[in-house]
Amino acid sequence: MKAMHRVMVGMSVFAATVSPAFATAGGGGERHGSLAAWIFLGFCALVVVAQLIPAALLFIGIIKGVFQKGEEKASVSVKSIK
């Protein structure tokens, strides 16, 4: 247990000393980013939107199934092979 505590304290000290370096990595000069960064962000947004369409269709299907009137049970016939 003491070893785990030492590891956690060490990681906390490391994270506290590294954080200020990340804050100044950009230099503060350019704030808009490059064209490649904007293309990457647009592609990420496209992926998110593309995943929302099937999720919405699945959600609508679940809602329809929950509020469907009457019980409809699927009948399955199994043939035995002899």
PDB file of N, CA and C in Angstrom:
ATOM      1  N   MET A   1       0.820  -1.186   0.000  1.00  0.00           N
ATOM      2  CA  MET A   1       0.000   0.000   0.000  1.00  0.00           C
ATOM      3  C   MET A   1       0.868   1.255   0.000  1.00  0.00           C
ATOM      4  N   LYS A   2       2.005   1.186   0.729  1.00  0.00           N
ATOM      5  CA  LYS A   2       2.900   2.341   0.750  1.00  0.00           C
ATOM      6  C   LYS A   2       3.518   2.578  -0.618  1.00  0.00           C
ATOM      7  N   ALA A   3       3.787   1.487  -1.335  1.00  0.00           N
ATOM      8  CA  ALA A   3       4.365   1.634  -2.671  1.00  0.00           C
ATOM      9  C   ALA A   3       3.387   2.346  -3.606  1.00  0.00           C
ATOM     10  N   MET A   4       2.119   1.989  -3.524  1.00  0.00           N
ATOM     11  CA  MET A   4       1.101   2.627  -4.349  1.00  0.00           C
ATOM     12  C   MET A   4       0.978   4.104  -3.982  1.00  0.00           C
ATOM     13  N   HIS A   5       1.066   4.409  -2.704  1.00  0.00           N
ATOM     14  CA  HIS A   5       0.990   5.797  -2.260  1.00  0.00           C
ATOM     15  C   HIS A   5       2.180   6.595  -2.803  1.00  0.00           C
ATOM     16  N   ARG A   6       3.356   6.024  -2.755  1.00  0.00           N
ATOM     17  CA  ARG A   6       4.546   6.695  -3.274  1.00  0.00           C
ATOM     18  C   ARG A   6       4.424   6.941  -4.781  1.00  0.00           C
ATOM     19  N   VAL A   7       3.895   5.962  -5.504  1.00  0.00           N
ATOM     20  CA  VAL A   7       3.721   6.127  -6.946  1.00  0.00           C
ATOM     21  C   VAL A   7       2.738   7.255  -7.235  1.00  0.00           C
ATOM     22  N   MET A   8       1.643   7.299  -6.512  1.00  0.00           N
ATOM     23  CA  MET A   8       0.643   8.345  -6.724  1.00  0.00           C
ATOM     24  C   MET A   8       1.200   9.734  -6.389  1.00  0.00           C
ATOM     25  N   VAL A   9       1.966   9.833  -5.310  1.00  0.00           N
ATOM     26  CA  VAL A   9       2.565  11.120  -4.960  1.00  0.00           C
ATOM     27  C   VAL A   9       3.563  11.531  -6.033  1.00  0.00           C
ATOM     28  N   GLY A  10       4.364  10.581  -6.502  1.00  0.00           N
ATOM     29  CA  GLY A  10       5.328  10.881  -7.562  1.00  0.00           C
ATOM     30  C   GLY A  10       4.662  11.345  -8.836  1.00  0.00           C
ATOM     31  N   MET A  11       3.567  10.684  -9.221  1.00  0.00           N
ATOM     32  CA  MET A  11       2.842  11.085 -10.426  1.00  0.00           C
ATOM     33  C   MET A  11       2.221  12.471 -10.254  1.00  0.00           C
ATOM     34  N   SER A  12       1.734  12.774  -9.062  1.00  0.00           N
ATOM     35  CA  SER A  12       1.133  14.088  -8.808  1.00  0.00           C
ATOM     36  C   SER A  12       2.174  15.191  -8.899  1.00  0.00           C
ATOM     37  N   VAL A  13       3.347  14.945  -8.335  1.00  0.00           N
ATOM     38  CA  VAL A  13       4.420  15.939  -8.397  1.00  0.00           C
ATOM     39  C   VAL A  13       4.857  16.139  -9.846  1.00  0.00           C
ATOM     40  N   PHE A  14       4.978  15.058 -10.587  1.00  0.00           N
ATOM     41  CA  PHE A  14       5.375  15.149 -11.992  1.00  0.00           C
ATOM     42  C   PHE A  14       4.345  15.942 -12.793  1.00  0.00           C
ATOM     43  N   ALA A  15       3.061  15.645 -12.586  1.00  0.00           N
ATOM     44  CA  ALA A  15       2.002  16.347 -13.319  1.00  0.00           C
ATOM     45  C   ALA A  15       1.975  17.833 -12.956  1.00  0.00           C
ATOM     46  N   ALA A  16       2.270  18.163 -11.705  1.00  0.00           N
ATOM     47  CA  ALA A  16       2.266  19.562 -11.286  1.00  0.00           C
ATOM     48  C   ALA A  16       3.422  20.339 -11.901  1.00  0.00           C
ATOM     49  N   THR A  17       4.536  19.667 -12.136  1.00  0.00           N
ATOM     50  CA  THR A  17       5.688  20.371 -12.703  1.00  0.00           C
ATOM     51  C   THR A  17       5.622  20.457 -14.219  1.00  0.00           C
ATOM     52  N   VAL A  18       4.913  19.559 -14.870  1.00  0.00           N
ATOM     53  CA  VAL A  18       4.847  19.540 -16.331  1.00  0.00           C
ATOM     54  C   VAL A  18       3.748  20.460 -16.862  1.00  0.00           C
ATOM     55  N   SER A  19       2.698  20.674 -16.120  1.00  0.00           N
ATOM     56  CA  SER A  19       1.556  21.462 -16.589  1.00  0.00           C
ATOM     57  C   SER A  19       1.916  22.873 -17.039  1.00  0.00           C
ATOM     58  N   PRO A  20       2.747  23.621 -16.319  1.00  0.00           N
ATOM     59  CA  PRO A  20       3.090  24.968 -16.805  1.00  0.00           C
ATOM     60  C   PRO A  20       3.827  24.951 -18.145  1.00  0.00           C
ATOM     61  N   ALA A  21       4.576  23.899 -18.427  1.00  0.00           N
ATOM     62  CA  ALA A  21       5.279  23.826 -19.702  1.00  0.00           C
ATOM     63  C   ALA A  21       4.293  23.689 -20.855  1.00  0.00           C
ATOM     64  N   PHE A  22       3.201  22.958 -20.664  1.00  0.00           N
ATOM     65  CA  PHE A  22       2.200  22.815 -21.719  1.00  0.00           C
ATOM     66  C   PHE A  22       1.452  24.126 -21.950  1.00  0.00           C
ATOM     67  N   ALA A  23       1.342  24.953 -20.932  1.00  0.00           N
ATOM     68  CA  ALA A  23       0.612  26.204 -21.070  1.00  0.00           C
ATOM     69  C   ALA A  23       1.345  27.178 -21.981  1.00  0.00           C
ATOM     70  N   THR A  24       2.666  27.086 -22.052  1.00  0.00           N
ATOM     71  CA  THR A  24       3.432  28.026 -22.864  1.00  0.00           C
ATOM     72  C   THR A  24       3.969  27.407 -24.142  1.00  0.00           C
ATOM     73  N   ALA A  25       3.502  26.234 -24.503  1.00  0.00           N
ATOM     74  CA  ALA A  25       4.055  25.542 -25.671  1.00  0.00           C
ATOM     75  C   ALA A  25       3.765  26.293 -26.968  1.00  0.00           C
ATOM     76  N   GLY A  26       2.648  26.998 -27.051  1.00  0.00           N
ATOM     77  CA  GLY A  26       2.285  27.686 -28.279  1.00  0.00           C
ATOM     78  C   GLY A  26       3.043  28.974 -28.509  1.00  0.00           C
ATOM     79  N   GLY A  27       3.622  29.537 -27.499  1.00  0.00           N
ATOM     80  CA  GLY A  27       4.348  30.786 -27.653  1.00  0.00           C
ATOM     81  C   GLY A  27       3.449  32.010 -27.615  1.00  0.00           C
ATOM     82  N   GLY A  28       2.165  31.848 -27.770  1.00  0.00           N
ATOM     83  CA  GLY A  28       1.238  32.963 -27.679  1.00  0.00           C
ATOM     84  C   GLY A  28       1.138  33.809 -28.929  1.00  0.00           C
ATOM     85  N   GLY A  29       1.884  33.492 -29.981  1.00  0.00           N
ATOM     86  CA  GLY A  29       1.876  34.322 -31.181  1.00  0.00           C
ATOM     87  C   GLY A  29       0.682  34.046 -32.070  1.00  0.00           C
ATOM     88  N   GLU A  30       0.538  32.845 -32.532  1.00  0.00           N
ATOM     89  CA  GLU A  30      -0.522  32.495 -33.486  1.00  0.00           C
ATOM     90  C   GLU A  30      -1.694  31.869 -32.737  1.00  0.00           C
ATOM     91  N   ARG A  31      -2.880  32.328 -33.015  1.00  0.00           N
ATOM     92  CA  ARG A  31      -4.068  31.839 -32.308  1.00  0.00           C
ATOM     93  C   ARG A  31      -5.043  31.095 -33.212  1.00  0.00           C
ATOM     94  N   HIS A  32      -4.818  31.080 -34.519  1.00  0.00           N
ATOM     95  CA  HIS A  32      -5.821  30.546 -35.425  1.00  0.00           C
ATOM     96  C   HIS A  32      -5.567  29.117 -35.878  1.00  0.00           C
ATOM     97  N   GLY A  33      -4.369  28.643 -35.850  1.00  0.00           N
ATOM     98  CA  GLY A  33      -4.071  27.296 -36.289  1.00  0.00           C
ATOM     99  C   GLY A  33      -3.863  27.230 -37.791  1.00  0.00           C
ATOM    100  N   SER A  34      -3.339  26.125 -38.224  1.00  0.00           N
ATOM    101  CA  SER A  34      -3.045  25.967 -39.644  1.00  0.00           C
ATOM    102  C   SER A  34      -4.222  25.339 -40.382  1.00  0.00           C
ATOM    103  N   LEU A  35      -4.102  25.301 -41.693  1.00  0.00           N
ATOM    104  CA  LEU A  35      -5.148  24.699 -42.512  1.00  0.00           C
ATOM    105  C   LEU A  35      -5.280  23.209 -42.218  1.00  0.00           C
ATOM    106  N   ALA A  36      -4.160  22.541 -41.992  1.00  0.00           N
ATOM    107  CA  ALA A  36      -4.201  21.108 -41.688  1.00  0.00           C
ATOM    108  C   ALA A  36      -4.966  20.833 -40.394  1.00  0.00           C
ATOM    109  N   ALA A  37      -4.803  21.703 -39.401  1.00  0.00           N
ATOM    110  CA  ALA A  37      -5.527  21.538 -38.140  1.00  0.00           C
ATOM    111  C   ALA A  37      -7.024  21.697 -38.350  1.00  0.00           C
ATOM    112  N   TRP A  38      -7.424  22.679 -39.182  1.00  0.00           N
ATOM    113  CA  TRP A  38      -8.852  22.887 -39.451  1.00  0.00           C
ATOM    114  C   TRP A  38      -9.438  21.727 -40.249  1.00  0.00           C
ATOM    115  N   ILE A  39      -8.663  21.176 -41.173  1.00  0.00           N
ATOM    116  CA  ILE A  39      -9.137  20.014 -41.936  1.00  0.00           C
ATOM    117  C   ILE A  39      -9.314  18.816 -41.008  1.00  0.00           C
ATOM    118  N   PHE A  40      -8.376  18.619 -40.096  1.00  0.00           N
ATOM    119  CA  PHE A  40      -8.479  17.522 -39.134  1.00  0.00           C
ATOM    120  C   PHE A  40      -9.705  17.684 -38.244  1.00  0.00           C
ATOM    121  N   LEU A  41      -9.931  18.890 -37.746  1.00  0.00           N
ATOM    122  CA  LEU A  41     -11.105  19.131 -36.901  1.00  0.00           C
ATOM    123  C   LEU A  41     -12.406  18.944 -37.681  1.00  0.00           C
ATOM    124  N   GLY A  42     -12.419  19.344 -38.944  1.00  0.00           N
ATOM    125  CA  GLY A  42     -13.600  19.120 -39.779  1.00  0.00           C
ATOM    126  C   GLY A  42     -13.864  17.646 -40.003  1.00  0.00           C
ATOM    127  N   PHE A  43     -12.795  16.876 -40.199  1.00  0.00           N
ATOM    128  CA  PHE A  43     -12.953  15.431 -40.368  1.00  0.00           C
ATOM    129  C   PHE A  43     -13.493  14.796 -39.091  1.00  0.00           C
ATOM    130  N   CYS A  44     -13.000  15.246 -37.943  1.00  0.00           N
ATOM    131  CA  CYS A  44     -13.516  14.718 -36.667  1.00  0.00           C
ATOM    132  C   CYS A  44     -15.003  15.040 -36.512  1.00  0.00           C
ATOM    133  N   ALA A  45     -15.404  16.248 -36.882  1.00  0.00           N
ATOM    134  CA  ALA A  45     -16.815  16.625 -36.805  1.00  0.00           C
ATOM    135  C   ALA A  45     -17.654  15.778 -37.756  1.00  0.00           C
ATOM    136  N   LEU A  46     -17.109  15.490 -38.932  1.00  0.00           N
ATOM    137  CA  LEU A  46     -17.816  14.645 -39.889  1.00  0.00           C
ATOM    138  C   LEU A  46     -18.030  13.238 -39.346  1.00  0.00           C
ATOM    139  N   VAL A  47     -17.032  12.701 -38.680  1.00  0.00           N
ATOM    140  CA  VAL A  47     -17.159  11.365 -38.075  1.00  0.00           C
ATOM    141  C   VAL A  47     -18.241  11.368 -37.003  1.00  0.00           C
ATOM    142  N   VAL A  48     -18.263  12.393 -36.174  1.00  0.00           N
ATOM    143  CA  VAL A  48     -19.271  12.471 -35.108  1.00  0.00           C
ATOM    144  C   VAL A  48     -20.672  12.562 -35.700  1.00  0.00           C
ATOM    145  N   VAL A  49     -20.866  13.393 -36.700  1.00  0.00           N
ATOM    146  CA  VAL A  49     -22.187  13.536 -37.325  1.00  0.00           C
ATOM    147  C   VAL A  49     -22.589  12.245 -38.019  1.00  0.00           C
ATOM    148  N   ALA A  50     -21.643  11.566 -38.663  1.00  0.00           N
ATOM    149  CA  ALA A  50     -21.949  10.307 -39.341  1.00  0.00           C
ATOM    150  C   ALA A  50     -22.372   9.231 -38.347  1.00  0.00           C
ATOM    151  N   GLN A  51     -21.872   9.291 -37.131  1.00  0.00           N
ATOM    152  CA  GLN A  51     -22.274   8.314 -36.123  1.00  0.00           C
ATOM    153  C   GLN A  51     -23.602   8.680 -35.470  1.00  0.00           C
ATOM    154  N   LEU A  52     -23.990   9.937 -35.535  1.00  0.00           N
ATOM    155  CA  LEU A  52     -25.266  10.346 -34.945  1.00  0.00           C
ATOM    156  C   LEU A  52     -26.460   9.865 -35.756  1.00  0.00           C
ATOM    157  N   ILE A  53     -26.306   9.720 -37.069  1.00  0.00           N
ATOM    158  CA  ILE A  53     -27.423   9.302 -37.920  1.00  0.00           C
ATOM    159  C   ILE A  53     -27.888   7.887 -37.584  1.00  0.00           C
ATOM    160  N   PRO A  54     -27.010   6.858 -37.573  1.00  0.00           N
ATOM    161  CA  PRO A  54     -27.488   5.527 -37.191  1.00  0.00           C
ATOM    162  C   PRO A  54     -27.954   5.451 -35.741  1.00  0.00           C
ATOM    163  N   ALA A  55     -27.332   6.250 -34.871  1.00  0.00           N
ATOM    164  CA  ALA A  55     -27.755   6.250 -33.472  1.00  0.00           C
ATOM    165  C   ALA A  55     -29.182   6.791 -33.348  1.00  0.00           C
ATOM    166  N   ALA A  56     -29.502   7.829 -34.103  1.00  0.00           N
ATOM    167  CA  ALA A  56     -30.848   8.392 -34.065  1.00  0.00           C
ATOM    168  C   ALA A  56     -31.866   7.399 -34.620  1.00  0.00           C
ATOM    169  N   LEU A  57     -31.512   6.721 -35.715  1.00  0.00           N
ATOM    170  CA  LEU A  57     -32.430   5.720 -36.276  1.00  0.00           C
ATOM    171  C   LEU A  57     -32.667   4.564 -35.300  1.00  0.00           C
ATOM    172  N   LEU A  58     -31.612   4.130 -34.618  1.00  0.00           N
ATOM    173  CA  LEU A  58     -31.755   3.064 -33.627  1.00  0.00           C
ATOM    174  C   LEU A  58     -32.613   3.525 -32.455  1.00  0.00           C
ATOM    175  N   PHE A  59     -32.420   4.748 -32.006  1.00  0.00           N
ATOM    176  CA  PHE A  59     -33.203   5.283 -30.913  1.00  0.00           C
ATOM    177  C   PHE A  59     -34.681   5.370 -31.280  1.00  0.00           C
ATOM    178  N   ILE A  60     -34.966   5.812 -32.493  1.00  0.00           N
ATOM    179  CA  ILE A  60     -36.356   5.892 -32.956  1.00  0.00           C
ATOM    180  C   ILE A  60     -36.974   4.496 -33.005  1.00  0.00           C
ATOM    181  N   GLY A  61     -36.225   3.509 -33.465  1.00  0.00           N
ATOM    182  CA  GLY A  61     -36.727   2.138 -33.497  1.00  0.00           C
ATOM    183  C   GLY A  61     -37.015   1.590 -32.110  1.00  0.00           C
ATOM    184  N   ILE A  62     -36.151   1.912 -31.155  1.00  0.00           N
ATOM    185  CA  ILE A  62     -36.380   1.459 -29.781  1.00  0.00           C
ATOM    186  C   ILE A  62     -37.625   2.110 -29.209  1.00  0.00           C
ATOM    187  N   ILE A  63     -37.795   3.411 -29.436  1.00  0.00           N
ATOM    188  CA  ILE A  63     -38.976   4.113 -28.926  1.00  0.00           C
ATOM    189  C   ILE A  63     -40.247   3.544 -29.553  1.00  0.00           C
ATOM    190  N   LYS A  64     -40.210   3.261 -30.839  1.00  0.00           N
ATOM    191  CA  LYS A  64     -41.380   2.659 -31.496  1.00  0.00           C
ATOM    192  C   LYS A  64     -41.682   1.296 -30.907  1.00  0.00           C
ATOM    193  N   GLY A  65     -40.653   0.514 -30.621  1.00  0.00           N
ATOM    194  CA  GLY A  65     -40.846  -0.811 -30.043  1.00  0.00           C
ATOM    195  C   GLY A  65     -41.402  -0.768 -28.637  1.00  0.00           C
ATOM    196  N   VAL A  66     -41.008   0.223 -27.870  1.00  0.00           N
ATOM    197  CA  VAL A  66     -41.496   0.337 -26.490  1.00  0.00           C
ATOM    198  C   VAL A  66     -42.960   0.741 -26.466  1.00  0.00           C
ATOM    199  N   PHE A  67     -43.336   1.670 -27.333  1.00  0.00           N
ATOM    200  CA  PHE A  67     -44.701   2.186 -27.311  1.00  0.00           C
ATOM    201  C   PHE A  67     -45.623   1.504 -28.319  1.00  0.00           C
ATOM    202  N   GLN A  68     -45.222   0.368 -28.855  1.00  0.00           N
ATOM    203  CA  GLN A  68     -46.042  -0.351 -29.824  1.00  0.00           C
ATOM    204  C   GLN A  68     -47.229  -0.989 -29.105  1.00  0.00           C
ATOM    205  N   LYS A  69     -48.413  -0.859 -29.695  1.00  0.00           N
ATOM    206  CA  LYS A  69     -49.612  -1.417 -29.082  1.00  0.00           C
ATOM    207  C   LYS A  69     -49.734  -2.885 -29.437  1.00  0.00           C
ATOM    208  N   GLY A  70     -50.209  -3.652 -28.483  1.00  0.00           N
ATOM    209  CA  GLY A  70     -50.416  -5.081 -28.716  1.00  0.00           C
ATOM    210  C   GLY A  70     -49.113  -5.853 -28.655  1.00  0.00           C
ATOM    211  N   GLU A  71     -49.270  -7.135 -28.384  1.00  0.00           N
ATOM    212  CA  GLU A  71     -48.086  -7.987 -28.330  1.00  0.00           C
ATOM    213  C   GLU A  71     -47.951  -8.743 -29.630  1.00  0.00           C
ATOM    214  N   GLU A  72     -46.853  -8.576 -30.253  1.00  0.00           N
ATOM    215  CA  GLU A  72     -46.560  -9.333 -31.454  1.00  0.00           C
ATOM    216  C   GLU A  72     -45.349 -10.199 -31.157  1.00  0.00           C
ATOM    217  N   LYS A  73     -45.578 -11.474 -31.123  1.00  0.00           N
ATOM    218  CA  LYS A  73     -44.478 -12.387 -30.842  1.00  0.00           C
ATOM    219  C   LYS A  73     -44.062 -13.054 -32.142  1.00  0.00           C
ATOM    220  N   ALA A  74     -42.799 -13.112 -32.338  1.00  0.00           N
ATOM    221  CA  ALA A  74     -42.283 -13.763 -33.534  1.00  0.00           C
ATOM    222  C   ALA A  74     -42.328 -15.269 -33.325  1.00  0.00           C
ATOM    223  N   SER A  75     -42.873 -15.951 -34.306  1.00  0.00           N
ATOM    224  CA  SER A  75     -42.912 -17.403 -34.213  1.00  0.00           C
ATOM    225  C   SER A  75     -41.740 -17.974 -34.999  1.00  0.00           C
ATOM    226  N   VAL A  76     -41.066 -18.896 -34.372  1.00  0.00           N
ATOM    227  CA  VAL A  76     -39.905 -19.519 -34.996  1.00  0.00           C
ATOM    228  C   VAL A  76     -40.178 -21.010 -35.085  1.00  0.00           C
ATOM    229  N   SER A  77     -40.050 -21.542 -36.278  1.00  0.00           N
ATOM    230  CA  SER A  77     -40.231 -22.988 -36.421  1.00  0.00           C
ATOM    231  C   SER A  77     -38.868 -23.617 -36.647  1.00  0.00           C
ATOM    232  N   VAL A  78     -38.630 -24.668 -35.898  1.00  0.00           N
ATOM    233  CA  VAL A  78     -37.355 -25.362 -35.993  1.00  0.00           C
ATOM    234  C   VAL A  78     -37.608 -26.744 -36.536  1.00  0.00           C
ATOM    235  N   LYS A  79     -36.910 -27.078 -37.594  1.00  0.00           N
ATOM    236  CA  LYS A  79     -37.009 -28.410 -38.168  1.00  0.00           C
ATOM    237  C   LYS A  79     -35.847 -29.239 -37.671  1.00  0.00           C
ATOM    238  N   SER A  80     -36.168 -30.420 -37.241  1.00  0.00           N
ATOM    239  CA  SER A  80     -35.085 -31.295 -36.780  1.00  0.00           C
ATOM    240  C   SER A  80     -34.528 -32.064 -37.972  1.00  0.00           C
ATOM    241  N   ILE A  81     -33.244 -32.179 -37.998  1.00  0.00           N
ATOM    242  CA  ILE A  81     -32.579 -32.914 -39.080  1.00  0.00           C
ATOM    243  C   ILE A  81     -32.293 -34.313 -38.579  1.00  0.00           C
ATOM    244  N   LYS A  82     -32.802 -35.307 -39.346  1.00  0.00           N
ATOM    245  CA  LYS A  82     -32.581 -36.710 -38.950  1.00  0.00           C
ATOM    246  C   LYS A  82     -31.936 -37.477 -40.043  1.00  0.00           C
TER     247      LYS A  82
END
